[in-house]
């Protein structure tokens, strides 16, 4: 028993060490996976995730419907606070009170005092994140005020009674943005496509609060869900934090793939000469007194957390629930979460999520399921994929070096080869959300 436990811990250390190495040399693993068309229940989960994400935290939601009740599983990356519990209870009470009176028209629901109180509570709870998103939108308006699409939005807002969009806050501007986004989301702006896409994204995010409020209320008003939402149960999952996870050094892991000291030093130099990779190395491994990354330090420990979607998935696996389950996440799943979901599907679990951005975060925890076989198989599966990522990056390095030596390219041209080669995957900058 002790031998198995020690072996498992060694494998975990190997996993998290390779997560750190892979995340340092290749942050963006593959193309993002977009969202599929959602049904009413899936939209409900996505909207609930939106209004539960208070600041920079990530929240996941899964809805399970029964004939006479429903369970809503809620998880987030960090600890829950007392005000979080009070807020969740308010949402629960609102769903119950409206559903008991269903069917109710939306207009009638919006006239109710309990719905009005909930709307205020949501905008107050989400105020930090909402203001951050609103400021990005206002920045678009200020910078490109003479653009036709900005003028069109201002005209739309004025028609709705808003004299100055920069002076409007809270639910009113969210409602305007949601309405305008629905009107123009399929429009193409040829003369300024990139800024138009960014403006659309900011519009959608500011308007998402109004969209969430309306859709959640509509579900509660619907007679179809009367029995379920009038007996709704909110299951708040406890977060999982690993405060001190030892990892092997960057040099230790890389030298298991590059046995030649000379080639290792060349690869290390390439990484240190890349500003993006250098920044990642410093972030993950810390710095010494000369501000250099500690690539040989064997005493580094990381603080890790179980990502919100993984917490719900762990619960599903522990319950041996192989029915289809949709997990909504306030921020799209990372690469490792998406990879683990693929593993879970190979074991018969029908898990679906609301999209993936495929960035690799090093503070990620493997779900610690009760099923020992799944736990051990997952470790092997994840490590094998990380080995592939690291090996491919090292092969790209060797390929680039070989072409450079044979063609006599300068250091500057080497960089151009790295950037232009399809096979090379030098990390790009992380996109803003």
Protein backbone atom coordinates (compact mmCIF):
# COMPACT_ATOMS: atom_id res chain seq x y z
CA UNK A 1 0.00 0.00 0.00
CA UNK A 2 2.79 2.43 0.94
CA UNK A 3 4.70 1.50 -2.19
CA UNK A 4 1.67 2.33 -4.36
CA UNK A 5 1.10 5.61 -2.52
CA UNK A 6 4.73 6.66 -2.96
CA UNK A 7 4.63 5.69 -6.63
CA UNK A 8 1.47 7.72 -7.12
CA UNK A 9 3.03 10.78 -5.47
CA UNK A 10 6.10 10.41 -7.69
CA UNK A 11 3.87 10.29 -10.77
CA UNK A 12 1.98 13.38 -9.58
CA UNK A 13 5.26 15.22 -9.13
CA UNK A 14 6.25 14.18 -12.64
CA UNK A 15 2.89 15.35 -14.01
CA UNK A 16 2.98 18.79 -12.40
CA UNK A 17 6.66 19.25 -13.28
CA UNK A 18 5.91 18.54 -16.93
CA UNK A 19 2.86 20.83 -16.81
CA UNK A 20 5.21 23.62 -15.72
CA UNK A 21 7.77 22.86 -18.43
CA UNK A 22 5.17 22.55 -21.20
CA UNK A 23 3.48 25.75 -20.01
CA UNK A 24 6.78 27.60 -20.05
CA UNK A 25 7.77 26.74 -23.63
CA UNK A 26 4.34 26.44 -25.27
CA UNK A 27 1.50 28.35 -23.62
CA UNK A 28 -1.03 28.13 -26.48
CA UNK A 29 -1.41 24.47 -27.40
CA UNK A 30 -4.01 24.42 -30.19
CA UNK A 31 -6.85 26.36 -31.75
CA UNK A 32 -9.72 27.39 -29.44
CA UNK A 33 -12.88 25.28 -29.55
CA UNK A 34 -15.97 27.40 -30.14
CA UNK A 35 -19.37 27.01 -28.56
CA UNK A 36 -22.07 24.80 -29.99
CA UNK A 37 -25.73 25.75 -30.18
CA UNK A 38 -27.25 25.35 -26.71
CA UNK A 39 -30.65 24.17 -25.57
CA UNK A 40 -32.67 25.97 -22.86
CA UNK A 41 -31.16 24.02 -19.95
CA UNK A 42 -27.60 24.60 -21.20
CA UNK A 43 -28.27 28.32 -21.65
CA UNK A 44 -29.58 28.44 -18.07
CA UNK A 45 -26.31 26.95 -16.79
CA UNK A 46 -24.21 29.39 -18.87
CA UNK A 47 -26.24 32.37 -17.67
CA UNK A 48 -25.96 31.27 -14.05
CA UNK A 49 -22.18 30.92 -14.46
CA UNK A 50 -22.08 34.49 -15.81
CA UNK A 51 -23.83 36.02 -12.80
CA UNK A 52 -21.83 33.93 -10.30
CA UNK A 53 -18.42 35.08 -11.58
CA UNK A 54 -17.71 38.00 -9.31
CA UNK A 55 -14.26 39.21 -10.35
CA UNK A 56 -11.40 37.28 -11.95
CA UNK A 57 -12.57 33.97 -10.47
CA UNK A 58 -13.83 31.15 -12.70
CA UNK A 59 -17.20 29.54 -11.94
CA UNK A 60 -18.65 26.31 -13.36
CA UNK A 61 -22.30 25.23 -13.27
CA UNK A 62 -24.06 21.97 -14.14
CA UNK A 63 -27.82 21.47 -14.07
CA UNK A 64 -29.43 18.09 -13.39
CA UNK A 65 -33.19 17.88 -13.94
CA UNK A 66 -35.43 15.34 -12.22
CA UNK A 67 -39.22 14.93 -12.66
CA UNK A 68 -40.06 16.90 -9.50
CA UNK A 69 -36.88 18.83 -8.66
CA UNK A 70 -33.51 19.97 -10.01
CA UNK A 71 -29.99 20.07 -8.64
CA UNK A 72 -27.62 22.86 -9.63
CA UNK A 73 -23.94 22.03 -9.03
CA UNK A 74 -21.75 25.10 -8.56
CA UNK A 75 -17.97 25.23 -8.31
CA UNK A 76 -15.23 27.86 -8.48
CA UNK A 77 -11.45 27.88 -8.39
CA UNK A 78 -11.08 29.67 -5.06
CA UNK A 79 -12.73 29.62 -1.63
CA UNK A 80 -16.38 30.56 -1.18
CA UNK A 81 -17.15 33.49 1.12
CA UNK A 82 -20.18 34.18 3.30
CA UNK A 83 -21.51 36.81 0.89
CA UNK A 84 -21.28 34.21 -1.91
CA UNK A 85 -23.56 31.90 0.07
CA UNK A 86 -26.05 34.69 0.79
CA UNK A 87 -26.14 35.62 -2.88
CA UNK A 88 -26.64 32.01 -4.05
CA UNK A 89 -29.47 31.61 -1.55
CA UNK A 90 -31.11 34.75 -2.95
CA UNK A 91 -31.00 33.32 -6.48
CA UNK A 92 -32.42 30.04 -5.18
CA UNK A 93 -35.26 31.78 -3.32
CA UNK A 94 -36.10 33.84 -6.40
CA UNK A 95 -36.25 30.80 -8.68
CA UNK A 96 -38.53 29.04 -6.21
CA UNK A 97 -40.89 31.97 -5.67
CA UNK A 98 -41.40 32.66 -9.40
CA UNK A 99 -41.68 28.99 -10.38
CA UNK A 100 -44.39 28.35 -7.81
CA UNK A 101 -46.52 30.98 -9.61
CA UNK A 102 -45.68 29.71 -13.11
CA UNK A 103 -46.75 30.22 -15.78
CA UNK A 104 -45.86 33.91 -15.50
CA UNK A 105 -45.26 36.33 -18.38
CA UNK A 106 -41.89 38.07 -18.47
CA UNK A 107 -43.54 41.49 -18.24
CA UNK A 108 -45.40 40.40 -15.12
CA UNK A 109 -42.20 38.94 -13.66
CA UNK A 110 -40.27 42.16 -14.21
CA UNK A 111 -42.93 44.03 -12.23
CA UNK A 112 -42.42 41.79 -9.20
CA UNK A 113 -40.45 43.18 -6.27
CA UNK A 114 -38.49 39.93 -5.73
CA UNK A 115 -37.26 39.97 -9.34
CA UNK A 116 -36.31 43.65 -9.05
CA UNK A 117 -34.38 42.91 -5.85
CA UNK A 118 -32.57 40.05 -7.54
CA UNK A 119 -31.61 42.22 -10.51
CA UNK A 120 -30.07 44.76 -8.12
CA UNK A 121 -28.28 42.01 -6.20
CA UNK A 122 -26.75 40.60 -9.40
CA UNK A 123 -25.46 43.96 -10.62
CA UNK A 124 -24.03 44.69 -7.17
CA UNK A 125 -22.40 41.25 -6.83
CA UNK A 126 -20.88 41.36 -10.32
CA UNK A 127 -20.00 45.07 -10.20
CA UNK A 128 -16.19 44.67 -10.31
CA UNK A 129 -16.18 42.42 -13.36
CA UNK A 130 -18.99 44.37 -14.99
CA UNK A 131 -17.17 47.71 -14.59
CA UNK A 132 -13.99 46.19 -16.02
CA UNK A 133 -15.87 45.02 -19.11
CA UNK A 134 -17.75 48.30 -19.42
CA UNK A 135 -14.49 50.28 -19.30
CA UNK A 136 -13.15 48.27 -22.25
CA UNK A 137 -16.30 49.09 -24.20
CA UNK A 138 -16.05 52.78 -23.33
CA UNK A 139 -12.42 52.76 -24.42
CA UNK A 140 -13.53 51.43 -27.82
CA UNK A 141 -16.08 54.25 -28.08
CA UNK A 142 -13.55 56.92 -27.13
CA UNK A 143 -10.79 55.69 -29.45
CA UNK A 144 -12.97 55.11 -32.51
CA UNK A 145 -15.81 57.56 -31.98
CA UNK A 146 -15.92 58.54 -35.66
CA UNK A 147 -16.15 54.93 -36.88
CA UNK A 148 -19.47 54.17 -38.51
CA UNK A 149 -20.24 51.23 -36.20
CA UNK A 150 -19.57 53.37 -33.09
CA UNK A 151 -21.80 56.15 -34.43
CA UNK A 152 -24.47 53.55 -35.16
CA UNK A 153 -24.30 52.25 -31.56
CA UNK A 154 -24.51 55.79 -30.13
CA UNK A 155 -27.53 56.50 -32.34
CA UNK A 156 -29.16 53.25 -31.15
CA UNK A 157 -28.55 54.21 -27.50
CA UNK A 158 -29.94 57.73 -28.05
CA UNK A 159 -33.08 56.27 -29.60
CA UNK A 160 -33.48 54.22 -26.42
CA UNK A 161 -33.22 57.39 -24.33
CA UNK A 162 -29.48 57.32 -23.48
CA UNK A 163 -27.96 60.74 -24.18
CA UNK A 164 -24.36 59.79 -23.32
CA UNK A 165 -23.34 56.11 -23.22
CA UNK A 166 -20.19 57.01 -21.25
CA UNK A 167 -22.34 58.27 -18.38
CA UNK A 168 -24.57 55.21 -18.06
CA UNK A 169 -23.84 52.41 -15.58
CA UNK A 170 -25.41 49.22 -14.31
CA UNK A 171 -28.31 47.32 -15.76
CA UNK A 172 -29.42 50.04 -18.20
CA UNK A 173 -26.24 49.97 -20.30
CA UNK A 174 -26.17 46.16 -20.17
CA UNK A 175 -29.69 46.09 -21.60
CA UNK A 176 -28.72 48.48 -24.43
CA UNK A 177 -25.60 46.45 -25.28
CA UNK A 178 -27.51 43.18 -25.28
CA UNK A 179 -30.19 44.54 -27.63
CA UNK A 180 -27.67 46.12 -30.00
CA UNK A 181 -25.46 43.01 -30.01
CA UNK A 182 -28.38 40.82 -31.07
CA UNK A 183 -29.08 43.27 -33.89
CA UNK A 184 -25.54 43.44 -35.34
CA UNK A 185 -23.73 40.25 -34.24
CA UNK A 186 -23.80 38.75 -37.77
CA UNK A 187 -22.74 41.97 -39.47
CA UNK A 188 -19.33 42.27 -41.16
CA UNK A 189 -17.27 45.48 -41.13
CA UNK A 190 -14.82 45.25 -44.02
CA UNK A 191 -12.80 48.42 -43.45
CA UNK A 192 -11.93 47.69 -39.77
CA UNK A 193 -12.58 43.97 -39.12
CA UNK A 194 -10.27 43.44 -36.12
CA UNK A 195 -11.53 46.41 -34.10
CA UNK A 196 -15.10 45.53 -35.05
CA UNK A 197 -14.63 41.99 -33.68
CA UNK A 198 -13.19 43.40 -30.47
CA UNK A 199 -16.06 45.88 -30.14
CA UNK A 200 -18.57 43.05 -30.71
CA UNK A 201 -16.87 40.97 -28.01
CA UNK A 202 -17.02 43.84 -25.53
CA UNK A 203 -20.65 44.51 -26.44
CA UNK A 204 -21.54 40.86 -25.85
CA UNK A 205 -19.80 40.72 -22.47
CA UNK A 206 -21.39 43.92 -21.16
CA UNK A 207 -24.76 42.77 -22.48
CA UNK A 208 -24.36 39.27 -21.05
CA UNK A 209 -25.71 40.39 -17.65
CA UNK A 210 -28.99 41.57 -19.14
CA UNK A 211 -29.16 38.42 -21.26
CA UNK A 212 -28.53 36.25 -18.20
CA UNK A 213 -31.11 38.05 -16.06
CA UNK A 214 -33.80 37.73 -18.73
CA UNK A 215 -33.10 34.10 -19.63
CA UNK A 216 -32.91 32.87 -16.03
CA UNK A 217 -36.15 34.65 -15.18
CA UNK A 218 -37.78 33.23 -18.32
CA UNK A 219 -36.86 29.70 -17.22
CA UNK A 220 -38.42 30.26 -13.82
CA UNK A 221 -41.57 31.66 -15.48
CA UNK A 222 -41.93 28.68 -17.80
CA UNK A 223 -44.59 26.18 -16.74
CA UNK A 224 -42.45 23.39 -18.23
CA UNK A 225 -39.95 23.83 -15.38
CA UNK A 226 -42.48 24.64 -12.65
CA UNK A 227 -41.88 21.48 -10.61
CA UNK A 228 -38.10 21.51 -11.08
CA UNK A 229 -37.31 25.15 -10.24
CA UNK A 230 -39.89 25.41 -7.46
CA UNK A 231 -37.85 22.65 -5.78
CA UNK A 232 -34.38 23.71 -6.85
CA UNK A 233 -31.38 22.61 -4.79
CA UNK A 234 -28.06 24.46 -5.05
CA UNK A 235 -25.10 22.12 -4.45
CA UNK A 236 -22.01 24.25 -3.74
CA UNK A 237 -18.86 22.15 -4.16
CA UNK A 238 -15.91 22.80 -1.88
CA UNK A 239 -12.83 24.03 -3.77
CA UNK A 240 -9.67 21.91 -3.81
CA UNK A 241 -6.41 23.77 -3.17
CA UNK A 242 -2.94 22.20 -3.08
CA UNK A 243 -0.91 24.77 -1.19
CA UNK A 244 2.55 23.19 -1.59
CA UNK A 245 3.15 20.85 -4.49
CA UNK A 246 6.86 20.00 -5.05
CA UNK A 247 8.04 19.96 -8.67
CA UNK A 248 11.23 18.91 -10.40
CA UNK A 249 13.37 21.67 -11.82
CA UNK A 250 13.02 22.83 -15.43
CA UNK A 251 16.55 21.56 -16.16
CA UNK A 252 15.73 18.16 -14.64
CA UNK A 253 12.74 17.64 -16.93
CA UNK A 254 14.28 19.05 -20.12
CA UNK A 255 17.46 16.97 -19.70
CA UNK A 256 15.36 13.82 -19.67
CA UNK A 257 14.54 14.69 -23.30
CA UNK A 258 17.87 16.28 -24.32
CA UNK A 259 20.76 14.09 -23.18
CA UNK A 260 23.51 16.19 -24.74
CA UNK A 261 24.73 18.97 -22.44
CA UNK A 262 25.71 21.04 -25.48
CA UNK A 263 22.25 20.75 -27.05
CA UNK A 264 20.57 21.45 -23.71
CA UNK A 265 22.53 24.70 -23.34
CA UNK A 266 21.59 25.74 -26.87
CA UNK A 267 17.92 25.08 -26.22
CA UNK A 268 18.06 26.92 -22.90
CA UNK A 269 19.65 29.93 -24.60
CA UNK A 270 16.91 29.98 -27.23
CA UNK A 271 14.29 30.01 -24.47
CA UNK A 272 16.05 32.74 -22.47
CA UNK A 273 16.40 34.88 -25.61
CA UNK A 274 12.65 34.74 -26.20
CA UNK A 275 10.95 37.49 -24.14
CA UNK A 276 7.66 35.62 -23.86
CA UNK A 277 9.23 32.33 -22.75
CA UNK A 278 11.59 34.18 -20.40
CA UNK A 279 8.61 35.84 -18.74
CA UNK A 280 6.87 32.49 -18.36
CA UNK A 281 9.99 30.90 -16.87
CA UNK A 282 10.28 33.67 -14.29
CA UNK A 283 6.61 33.42 -13.41
CA UNK A 284 6.68 29.64 -12.96
CA UNK A 285 10.11 29.05 -11.43
CA UNK A 286 10.83 32.35 -9.69
CA UNK A 287 14.04 34.36 -9.98
CA UNK A 288 17.42 34.49 -8.26
CA UNK A 289 19.18 37.59 -6.91
CA UNK A 290 20.13 38.57 -10.48
CA UNK A 291 16.51 38.33 -11.72
CA UNK A 292 17.27 35.16 -13.72
CA UNK A 293 14.80 32.25 -13.71
CA UNK A 294 15.73 29.44 -11.32
CA UNK A 295 15.94 26.65 -13.86
CA UNK A 296 18.04 24.32 -11.68
CA UNK A 297 16.19 24.77 -8.38
CA UNK A 298 14.96 21.39 -7.07
CA UNK A 299 13.18 22.90 -4.06
CA UNK A 300 10.39 24.78 -5.84
CA UNK A 301 6.80 24.28 -4.66
CA UNK A 302 3.67 25.43 -6.46
CA UNK A 303 0.23 26.45 -5.20
CA UNK A 304 -2.31 24.62 -7.36
CA UNK A 305 -6.08 24.58 -7.55
CA UNK A 306 -8.66 22.23 -9.04
CA UNK A 307 -10.29 24.12 -11.88
CA UNK A 308 -14.01 24.70 -11.46
CA UNK A 309 -15.10 22.44 -14.32
CA UNK A 310 -12.83 19.66 -13.03
CA UNK A 311 -14.43 19.88 -9.58
CA UNK A 312 -17.85 19.19 -11.07
CA UNK A 313 -16.42 16.45 -13.29
CA UNK A 314 -14.79 14.81 -10.25
CA UNK A 315 -18.20 14.81 -8.54
CA UNK A 316 -19.78 13.21 -11.62
CA UNK A 317 -17.13 10.48 -11.81
CA UNK A 318 -17.37 9.79 -8.07
CA UNK A 319 -21.13 9.36 -8.52
CA UNK A 320 -20.46 7.08 -11.53
CA UNK A 321 -22.95 9.17 -13.50
CA UNK A 322 -22.51 8.34 -17.19
CA UNK A 323 -25.58 10.23 -18.37
CA UNK A 324 -24.96 13.28 -20.62
CA UNK A 325 -23.89 16.29 -18.53
CA UNK A 326 -23.28 19.84 -19.76
CA UNK A 327 -20.84 21.94 -17.70
CA UNK A 328 -21.06 25.69 -18.24
CA UNK A 329 -17.94 27.69 -17.35
CA UNK A 330 -17.71 31.48 -16.94
CA UNK A 331 -14.38 31.34 -18.80
CA UNK A 332 -13.68 28.70 -21.44
CA UNK A 333 -11.84 25.55 -20.39
CA UNK A 334 -8.05 25.48 -20.51
CA UNK A 335 -6.06 22.90 -22.46
CA UNK A 336 -5.56 20.53 -19.52
CA UNK A 337 -9.25 20.61 -18.57
CA UNK A 338 -10.18 19.87 -22.18
CA UNK A 339 -7.64 17.05 -22.26
CA UNK A 340 -9.00 15.50 -19.06
CA UNK A 341 -12.55 15.74 -20.43
CA UNK A 342 -11.41 13.77 -23.50
CA UNK A 343 -9.96 11.17 -21.13
CA UNK A 344 -13.24 11.02 -19.16
CA UNK A 345 -15.16 10.50 -22.40
CA UNK A 346 -12.88 7.55 -23.22
CA UNK A 347 -14.10 6.04 -19.94
CA UNK A 348 -17.75 6.44 -20.93
CA UNK A 349 -18.57 9.78 -19.25
CA UNK A 350 -20.63 11.99 -21.58
CA UNK A 351 -19.28 15.42 -20.65
CA UNK A 352 -19.82 18.58 -22.70
CA UNK A 353 -18.62 22.10 -21.96
CA UNK A 354 -19.21 25.65 -23.20
CA UNK A 355 -15.99 25.97 -25.24
CA UNK A 356 -12.22 25.82 -24.73
CA UNK A 357 -9.44 28.36 -25.25
CA UNK A 358 -6.61 25.76 -25.05
CA UNK A 359 -4.11 27.82 -23.07
CA UNK A 360 -1.96 25.76 -20.71
CA UNK A 361 -1.95 26.96 -17.09
CA UNK A 362 0.67 25.54 -14.75
CA UNK A 363 -1.33 25.86 -11.50
CA UNK A 364 -3.67 23.03 -12.52
CA UNK A 365 -4.72 20.06 -10.34
CA UNK A 366 -5.62 16.59 -11.58
CA UNK A 367 -9.04 15.49 -10.21
CA UNK A 368 -8.45 13.10 -7.29
CA UNK A 369 -11.29 10.65 -7.97
CA UNK A 370 -12.28 7.79 -5.69
CA UNK A 371 -11.89 5.39 -8.62
CA UNK A 372 -8.26 4.26 -8.32
CA UNK A 373 -8.13 2.86 -11.86
CA UNK A 374 -9.36 6.13 -13.38
CA UNK A 375 -6.90 8.08 -11.23
CA UNK A 376 -3.92 5.97 -12.35
CA UNK A 377 -5.02 5.87 -16.00
CA UNK A 378 -5.54 9.64 -15.99
CA UNK A 379 -2.00 10.22 -14.71
CA UNK A 380 -0.55 8.11 -17.53
CA UNK A 381 -2.81 9.75 -20.12
CA UNK A 382 -1.94 13.32 -19.09
CA UNK A 383 1.80 12.63 -18.76
CA UNK A 384 1.90 10.99 -22.19
CA UNK A 385 0.33 14.06 -23.79
CA UNK A 386 2.69 16.43 -21.98
CA UNK A 387 5.62 14.30 -23.15
CA UNK A 388 4.31 14.75 -26.70
CA UNK A 389 4.08 18.54 -26.32
CA UNK A 390 7.59 18.86 -24.88
CA UNK A 391 9.11 16.45 -27.41
CA UNK A 392 7.53 18.30 -30.34
CA UNK A 393 8.90 21.62 -29.13
CA UNK A 394 12.38 20.16 -28.80
CA UNK A 395 12.13 18.61 -32.27
CA UNK A 396 11.12 21.99 -33.71
CA UNK A 397 14.19 23.48 -32.07
CA UNK A 398 16.46 20.86 -33.62
CA UNK A 399 14.76 21.27 -37.03
CA UNK A 400 15.17 25.05 -36.96
CA UNK A 401 18.80 24.76 -35.87
CA UNK A 402 19.59 22.25 -38.64
CA UNK A 403 18.08 24.47 -41.34
CA UNK A 404 19.87 27.47 -39.91
CA UNK A 405 23.26 25.75 -39.94
CA UNK A 406 22.84 24.42 -43.48
CA UNK A 407 21.60 27.69 -44.94
CA UNK A 408 23.89 30.00 -42.96
CA UNK A 409 21.03 32.09 -41.63
CA UNK A 410 21.70 34.90 -39.19
CA UNK A 411 20.19 35.04 -35.69
CA UNK A 412 17.55 37.50 -36.93
CA UNK A 413 16.48 35.17 -39.73
CA UNK A 414 16.31 32.28 -37.27
CA UNK A 415 13.62 34.18 -35.41
CA UNK A 416 11.71 34.69 -38.64
CA UNK A 417 11.88 30.97 -39.38
CA UNK A 418 10.45 30.22 -35.94
CA UNK A 419 7.58 32.66 -36.43
CA UNK A 420 6.66 31.64 -39.96
CA UNK A 421 7.08 27.88 -39.81
CA UNK A 422 3.79 26.01 -39.54
CA UNK A 423 5.41 23.24 -37.56
CA UNK A 424 6.90 25.60 -35.00
CA UNK A 425 4.59 26.75 -32.24
CA UNK A 426 6.26 29.64 -30.52
CA UNK A 427 3.67 30.89 -28.02
CA UNK A 428 1.65 33.93 -28.92
CA UNK A 429 0.46 36.54 -26.47
CA UNK A 430 -2.49 35.62 -24.35
CA UNK A 431 -5.70 37.18 -25.61
CA UNK A 432 -7.66 39.48 -23.35
CA UNK A 433 -11.02 38.20 -22.19
